[in-house]
Amino acid sequence: MKQLFITICLSIGLMSGSLWASAQEKDSLATAKRQLDHYRKSLGLDAAKAAQLNGIQNQYKKELNRVMADTTLDLSARKEKIRDLMDRKNGQLKKLLNTAQQQKMIPPSERLLAPTPKDY
């Protein structure tokens, strides 16, 4: 009887866990769709450019998180790496977007600083 009760409890736990993971995946897809729609509407982009922009932003966020998690970097090295990431992201955005769209996408603090000349 005790084993049956434990088995039922574990089964219920596993099913609810898989339902939760499925809900998370659906929420993630919905968030990605909302982000693409936002880029299309606010910047007047077509679906292809919105997808490119989303890819640039996601790559930047992923690399930024990696730099922030790197405990081997001191403060000045971390700042330099973040500046390089911003310069690369903004360079890619400048190739993709017109001036008015850049004004909306690139934060003023990043626009005011002169980017270092690099090939992106």
Protein backbone atom coordinates (compact mmCIF):
# COMPACT_ATOMS: atom_id res chain seq x y z
CA MET A 1 0.00 0.00 0.00
CA LYS A 2 2.81 2.35 0.91
CA GLN A 3 4.64 1.63 -2.36
CA LEU A 4 1.46 2.28 -4.36
CA PHE A 5 1.01 5.63 -2.64
CA ILE A 6 4.64 6.63 -3.34
CA THR A 7 4.33 5.52 -6.97
CA ILE A 8 1.16 7.57 -7.44
CA CYS A 9 2.76 10.64 -5.85
CA LEU A 10 5.86 10.34 -8.03
CA SER A 11 3.73 9.90 -11.15
CA ILE A 12 1.71 12.99 -10.36
CA GLY A 13 4.91 14.94 -9.71
CA LEU A 14 6.44 13.86 -13.02
CA MET A 15 3.30 14.69 -14.98
CA SER A 16 2.99 18.14 -13.42
CA GLY A 17 6.69 18.76 -14.08
CA SER A 18 6.32 17.89 -17.75
CA LEU A 19 3.22 20.08 -18.02
CA TRP A 20 5.13 22.96 -16.43
CA ALA A 21 8.04 22.50 -18.89
CA SER A 22 5.60 22.44 -21.79
CA ALA A 23 3.97 25.66 -20.55
CA GLN A 24 7.41 27.29 -20.24
CA GLU A 25 8.24 26.34 -23.82
CA LYS A 26 4.95 27.76 -25.10
CA ASP A 27 5.55 30.95 -23.10
CA SER A 28 9.03 31.26 -24.57
CA LEU A 29 7.67 30.92 -28.10
CA ALA A 30 4.98 33.50 -27.37
CA THR A 31 7.60 35.90 -26.01
CA ALA A 32 9.74 35.48 -29.15
CA LYS A 33 6.71 36.16 -31.35
CA ARG A 34 5.82 39.27 -29.33
CA GLN A 35 9.40 40.50 -29.67
CA LEU A 36 9.36 40.04 -33.45
CA ASP A 37 5.99 41.80 -33.68
CA HIS A 38 7.36 44.66 -31.59
CA TYR A 39 10.34 45.10 -33.93
CA ARG A 40 8.09 44.96 -36.98
CA LYS A 41 5.61 47.52 -35.67
CA SER A 42 7.87 49.96 -33.84
CA LEU A 43 10.62 50.03 -36.48
CA GLY A 44 8.56 49.28 -39.58
CA LEU A 45 10.62 46.19 -40.45
CA ASP A 46 9.65 43.25 -42.59
CA ALA A 47 9.68 39.77 -41.05
CA ALA A 48 13.18 38.92 -42.32
CA LYS A 49 14.80 42.06 -40.91
CA ALA A 50 12.91 41.66 -37.63
CA ALA A 51 14.27 38.12 -37.35
CA GLN A 52 17.82 39.37 -38.07
CA LEU A 53 17.45 42.09 -35.45
CA ASN A 54 16.12 39.58 -32.93
CA GLY A 55 19.11 37.32 -33.63
CA ILE A 56 21.56 40.18 -33.08
CA GLN A 57 19.90 41.12 -29.80
CA ASN A 58 19.73 37.53 -28.55
CA GLN A 59 23.40 36.91 -29.39
CA TYR A 60 24.38 40.12 -27.58
CA LYS A 61 22.42 39.11 -24.48
CA LYS A 62 23.94 35.62 -24.48
CA GLU A 63 27.49 36.96 -24.80
CA LEU A 64 26.86 39.67 -22.20
CA ASN A 65 25.64 37.06 -19.72
CA ARG A 66 28.76 35.01 -20.41
CA VAL A 67 31.01 38.02 -19.70
CA MET A 68 29.12 38.88 -16.53
CA ALA A 69 29.39 35.30 -15.29
CA ASP A 70 33.16 35.15 -15.93
CA THR A 71 34.70 35.56 -12.48
CA THR A 72 38.25 35.55 -13.85
CA LEU A 73 37.84 39.06 -15.31
CA ASP A 74 38.68 42.11 -13.27
CA LEU A 75 36.52 45.24 -13.53
CA SER A 76 38.51 46.95 -16.28
CA ALA A 77 38.69 43.79 -18.42
CA ARG A 78 34.96 43.25 -17.95
CA LYS A 79 34.21 46.84 -19.01
CA GLU A 80 36.42 46.47 -22.08
CA LYS A 81 34.72 43.23 -23.12
CA ILE A 82 31.27 44.77 -22.64
CA ARG A 83 32.32 47.80 -24.68
CA ASP A 84 33.52 45.49 -27.46
CA LEU A 85 30.21 43.62 -27.37
CA MET A 86 28.25 46.88 -27.59
CA ASP A 87 30.40 48.14 -30.46
CA ARG A 88 29.94 44.91 -32.40
CA LYS A 89 26.17 44.85 -31.78
CA ASN A 90 25.79 48.50 -32.75
CA GLY A 91 27.89 47.98 -35.87
CA GLN A 92 25.60 45.16 -36.93
CA LEU A 93 22.54 47.29 -36.18
CA LYS A 94 23.92 50.16 -38.26
CA LYS A 95 24.28 47.85 -41.24
CA LEU A 96 20.72 46.58 -40.81
CA LEU A 97 18.76 49.70 -39.84
CA ASN A 98 18.38 53.20 -41.23
CA THR A 99 19.24 56.26 -39.11
CA ALA A 100 15.74 56.76 -37.69
CA GLN A 101 15.50 53.09 -36.73
CA GLN A 102 18.95 53.23 -35.14
CA GLN A 103 17.80 56.16 -33.01
CA LYS A 104 15.04 53.94 -31.62
CA MET A 105 17.17 50.82 -31.12
CA ILE A 106 20.58 52.02 -29.96
CA PRO A 107 20.46 53.59 -26.48
CA PRO A 108 21.60 57.22 -26.32
CA SER A 109 24.46 56.34 -23.98
CA GLU A 110 25.82 53.98 -26.63
CA ARG A 111 25.23 56.45 -29.47
CA LEU A 112 27.12 59.25 -27.72
CA LEU A 113 30.27 57.22 -27.27
CA ALA A 114 32.34 57.03 -30.41
CA PRO A 115 32.63 53.40 -31.47
CA THR A 116 36.04 51.98 -32.03
CA PRO A 117 36.69 51.35 -35.72
CA LYS A 118 36.44 47.61 -36.32
CA ASP A 119 35.25 45.31 -39.05
CA TYR A 120 32.02 43.59 -38.05
